[in-house]
Amino acid sequence: MAKHDRAKRGIPPKTEFNAWYPAIVEIADLVDKRYPIKGMDVWKPYGWKAMTLIDGLTRAEMERTDHEEYNFPVLIPEDLLEKENRLVSRLKLAREQGVDPADLRIDEEESGFKKEVYWVKHAGEN
């Protein structure tokens, strides 16, 4: 194992980003994790300042490279989510099997996309 891949002080290696990032955020005490909904952390002032700086760098790089920003809806109808779910499953399968994604059919296995979704069950009157 390369020296840079070894975990330091319980921190996963950067090559394992999905484990590394939350560990760094927690160790650096950037968020208050007491809010009971996963992914809905309360950013502390120092953490929010870091996120604001990262956002500024990202926007400056997009401007420099002449990329445009998109804003997507936060709420997505379930039928469109299912369509996305099917597409993601087909593309993953194509990549694994070396198949051209254009040759894939609609009927594929379920992917685990739903577990990452917050379902809105009721809306207010406004």
C-alpha atoms as a PDB file:
ATOM      1  CA  MET A   1       0.000   0.000   0.000  1.00  0.00           C
ATOM      2  CA  ALA A   2       1.387   3.416  -0.943  1.00  0.00           C
ATOM      3  CA  LYS A   3       2.198   5.771   1.917  1.00  0.00           C
ATOM      4  CA  HIS A   4      -0.455   8.298   0.850  1.00  0.00           C
ATOM      5  CA  ASP A   5      -3.145   5.574   0.866  1.00  0.00           C
ATOM      6  CA  ARG A   6      -2.685   4.733   4.562  1.00  0.00           C
ATOM      7  CA  ALA A   7      -5.255   6.063   7.001  1.00  0.00           C
ATOM      8  CA  LYS A   8      -3.948   8.610   9.492  1.00  0.00           C
ATOM      9  CA  ARG A   9      -5.560   9.073  12.899  1.00  0.00           C
ATOM     10  CA  GLY A  10      -8.543   6.974  11.865  1.00  0.00           C
ATOM     11  CA  ILE A  11      -9.123   8.981   8.685  1.00  0.00           C
ATOM     12  CA  PRO A  12      -9.859   6.821   5.626  1.00  0.00           C
ATOM     13  CA  PRO A  13      -7.576   7.413   2.623  1.00  0.00           C
ATOM     14  CA  LYS A  14      -8.656  10.093   0.140  1.00  0.00           C
ATOM     15  CA  THR A  15      -9.019   7.379  -2.479  1.00  0.00           C
ATOM     16  CA  GLU A  16     -12.082   6.216  -0.502  1.00  0.00           C
ATOM     17  CA  PHE A  17     -13.868   9.561  -0.851  1.00  0.00           C
ATOM     18  CA  ASN A  18     -17.293   8.340   0.361  1.00  0.00           C
ATOM     19  CA  ALA A  19     -15.730   7.407   3.707  1.00  0.00           C
ATOM     20  CA  TRP A  20     -13.045  10.126   3.766  1.00  0.00           C
ATOM     21  CA  TYR A  21     -15.286  13.195   3.325  1.00  0.00           C
ATOM     22  CA  PRO A  22     -17.729  12.540   6.216  1.00  0.00           C
ATOM     23  CA  ALA A  23     -14.787  11.624   8.465  1.00  0.00           C
ATOM     24  CA  ILE A  24     -13.030  14.917   7.677  1.00  0.00           C
ATOM     25  CA  VAL A  25     -16.222  16.931   8.219  1.00  0.00           C
ATOM     26  CA  GLU A  26     -16.775  15.264  11.602  1.00  0.00           C
ATOM     27  CA  ILE A  27     -13.155  15.433  12.802  1.00  0.00           C
ATOM     28  CA  ALA A  28     -12.907  19.108  11.804  1.00  0.00           C
ATOM     29  CA  ASP A  29     -16.172  19.772  13.697  1.00  0.00           C
ATOM     30  CA  LEU A  30     -17.661  21.617  10.704  1.00  0.00           C
ATOM     31  CA  VAL A  31     -21.259  20.526  11.298  1.00  0.00           C
ATOM     32  CA  ASP A  32     -23.640  19.835  14.157  1.00  0.00           C
ATOM     33  CA  LYS A  33     -24.872  16.302  13.503  1.00  0.00           C
ATOM     34  CA  ARG A  34     -27.675  16.319  16.098  1.00  0.00           C
ATOM     35  CA  TYR A  35     -30.363  17.146  13.520  1.00  0.00           C
ATOM     36  CA  PRO A  36     -32.226  13.833  13.084  1.00  0.00           C
ATOM     37  CA  ILE A  37     -32.349  13.673   9.266  1.00  0.00           C
ATOM     38  CA  LYS A  38     -29.383  12.190   7.374  1.00  0.00           C
ATOM     39  CA  GLY A  39     -27.807  14.688   5.010  1.00  0.00           C
ATOM     40  CA  MET A  40     -29.513  17.648   6.674  1.00  0.00           C
ATOM     41  CA  ASP A  41     -26.621  18.777   8.833  1.00  0.00           C
ATOM     42  CA  VAL A  42     -26.438  22.167  10.520  1.00  0.00           C
ATOM     43  CA  TRP A  43     -23.225  23.797   9.315  1.00  0.00           C
ATOM     44  CA  LYS A  44     -21.288  25.620  12.020  1.00  0.00           C
ATOM     45  CA  PRO A  45     -19.873  29.083  11.179  1.00  0.00           C
ATOM     46  CA  TYR A  46     -16.366  27.795  10.396  1.00  0.00           C
ATOM     47  CA  GLY A  47     -17.751  24.956   8.269  1.00  0.00           C
ATOM     48  CA  TRP A  48     -20.164  27.250   6.442  1.00  0.00           C
ATOM     49  CA  LYS A  49     -17.325  29.693   5.737  1.00  0.00           C
ATOM     50  CA  ALA A  50     -15.331  26.820   4.204  1.00  0.00           C
ATOM     51  CA  MET A  51     -18.314  25.779   2.071  1.00  0.00           C
ATOM     52  CA  THR A  52     -18.834  29.395   0.956  1.00  0.00           C
ATOM     53  CA  LEU A  53     -15.175  29.649  -0.078  1.00  0.00           C
ATOM     54  CA  ILE A  54     -15.386  26.349  -1.989  1.00  0.00           C
ATOM     55  CA  ASP A  55     -18.529  27.596  -3.722  1.00  0.00           C
ATOM     56  CA  GLY A  56     -16.752  30.819  -4.699  1.00  0.00           C
ATOM     57  CA  LEU A  57     -13.788  28.895  -6.127  1.00  0.00           C
ATOM     58  CA  THR A  58     -16.124  26.615  -8.057  1.00  0.00           C
ATOM     59  CA  ARG A  59     -18.089  29.531  -9.510  1.00  0.00           C
ATOM     60  CA  ALA A  60     -14.884  31.377 -10.466  1.00  0.00           C
ATOM     61  CA  GLU A  61     -13.567  28.270 -12.241  1.00  0.00           C
ATOM     62  CA  MET A  62     -16.882  27.845 -14.076  1.00  0.00           C
ATOM     63  CA  GLU A  63     -16.716  31.481 -15.177  1.00  0.00           C
ATOM     64  CA  ARG A  64     -13.067  31.135 -16.234  1.00  0.00           C
ATOM     65  CA  THR A  65     -13.816  28.048 -18.334  1.00  0.00           C
ATOM     66  CA  ASP A  66     -17.025  29.540 -19.760  1.00  0.00           C
ATOM     67  CA  HIS A  67     -19.336  26.954 -18.185  1.00  0.00           C
ATOM     68  CA  GLU A  68     -22.899  27.863 -17.309  1.00  0.00           C
ATOM     69  CA  GLU A  69     -24.705  27.003 -14.102  1.00  0.00           C
ATOM     70  CA  TYR A  70     -27.983  25.075 -14.008  1.00  0.00           C
ATOM     71  CA  ASN A  71     -30.559  25.074 -11.240  1.00  0.00           C
ATOM     72  CA  PHE A  72     -32.655  21.922 -10.967  1.00  0.00           C
ATOM     73  CA  PRO A  73     -35.875  21.489  -8.986  1.00  0.00           C
ATOM     74  CA  VAL A  74     -35.558  20.168  -5.457  1.00  0.00           C
ATOM     75  CA  LEU A  75     -38.764  18.143  -5.724  1.00  0.00           C
ATOM     76  CA  ILE A  76     -39.026  15.551  -8.485  1.00  0.00           C
ATOM     77  CA  PRO A  77     -42.223  13.644  -9.396  1.00  0.00           C
ATOM     78  CA  GLU A  78     -41.978   9.914  -8.670  1.00  0.00           C
ATOM     79  CA  ASP A  79     -42.507   8.905 -12.312  1.00  0.00           C
ATOM     80  CA  LEU A  80     -39.470  10.959 -13.388  1.00  0.00           C
ATOM     81  CA  LEU A  81     -37.443   9.452 -10.561  1.00  0.00           C
ATOM     82  CA  GLU A  82     -38.351   5.969 -11.796  1.00  0.00           C
ATOM     83  CA  LYS A  83     -37.271   6.950 -15.321  1.00  0.00           C
ATOM     84  CA  GLU A  84     -33.916   8.121 -13.929  1.00  0.00           C
ATOM     85  CA  ASN A  85     -33.661   4.925 -11.886  1.00  0.00           C
ATOM     86  CA  ARG A  86     -34.046   2.803 -15.032  1.00  0.00           C
ATOM     87  CA  LEU A  87     -31.465   4.854 -16.918  1.00  0.00           C
ATOM     88  CA  VAL A  88     -28.891   4.630 -14.123  1.00  0.00           C
ATOM     89  CA  SER A  89     -29.402   0.856 -13.885  1.00  0.00           C
ATOM     90  CA  ARG A  90     -28.952   0.409 -17.641  1.00  0.00           C
ATOM     91  CA  LEU A  91     -25.795   2.514 -17.715  1.00  0.00           C
ATOM     92  CA  LYS A  92     -24.264   0.654 -14.757  1.00  0.00           C
ATOM     93  CA  LEU A  93     -25.037  -2.676 -16.375  1.00  0.00           C
ATOM     94  CA  ALA A  94     -23.611  -1.519 -19.708  1.00  0.00           C
ATOM     95  CA  ARG A  95     -20.392  -0.376 -18.074  1.00  0.00           C
ATOM     96  CA  GLU A  96     -20.011  -3.688 -16.204  1.00  0.00           C
ATOM     97  CA  GLN A  97     -20.628  -5.799 -19.311  1.00  0.00           C
ATOM     98  CA  GLY A  98     -18.816  -3.633 -21.842  1.00  0.00           C
ATOM     99  CA  VAL A  99     -22.072  -3.134 -23.774  1.00  0.00           C
ATOM    100  CA  ASP A 100     -22.887   0.017 -25.726  1.00  0.00           C
ATOM    101  CA  PRO A 101     -25.604   1.761 -23.629  1.00  0.00           C
ATOM    102  CA  ALA A 102     -27.545   2.508 -26.830  1.00  0.00           C
ATOM    103  CA  ASP A 103     -28.121  -1.247 -27.258  1.00  0.00           C
ATOM    104  CA  LEU A 104     -29.797  -1.704 -23.869  1.00  0.00           C
ATOM    105  CA  ARG A 105     -33.508  -2.316 -23.417  1.00  0.00           C
ATOM    106  CA  ILE A 106     -35.931  -0.714 -20.956  1.00  0.00           C
ATOM    107  CA  ASP A 107     -36.549  -3.802 -18.766  1.00  0.00           C
ATOM    108  CA  GLU A 108     -33.654  -3.887 -16.294  1.00  0.00           C
ATOM    109  CA  GLU A 109     -33.255  -4.733 -12.629  1.00  0.00           C
ATOM    110  CA  GLU A 110     -34.199  -2.337  -9.852  1.00  0.00           C
ATOM    111  CA  SER A 111     -31.355  -0.182  -8.636  1.00  0.00           C
ATOM    112  CA  GLY A 112     -30.969   1.072  -5.084  1.00  0.00           C
ATOM    113  CA  PHE A 113     -31.738   4.690  -5.982  1.00  0.00           C
ATOM    114  CA  LYS A 114     -34.898   4.946  -3.833  1.00  0.00           C
ATOM    115  CA  LYS A 115     -32.969   4.550  -0.591  1.00  0.00           C
ATOM    116  CA  GLU A 116     -31.343   7.950  -1.232  1.00  0.00           C
ATOM    117  CA  VAL A 117     -34.641   9.821  -1.598  1.00  0.00           C
ATOM    118  CA  TYR A 118     -36.635  11.894   0.885  1.00  0.00           C
ATOM    119  CA  TRP A 119     -40.315  11.268   0.135  1.00  0.00           C
ATOM    120  CA  VAL A 120     -42.662  14.234   0.594  1.00  0.00           C
ATOM    121  CA  LYS A 121     -45.970  12.803   1.812  1.00  0.00           C
ATOM    122  CA  HIS A 122     -47.894  16.003   2.483  1.00  0.00           C
ATOM    123  CA  ALA A 123     -47.721  19.650   1.452  1.00  0.00           C
ATOM    124  CA  GLY A 124     -49.084  22.676   3.247  1.00  0.00           C
ATOM    125  CA  GLU A 125     -51.916  24.808   1.947  1.00  0.00           C
ATOM    126  CA  ASN A 126     -49.748  27.617   0.576  1.00  0.00           C
END
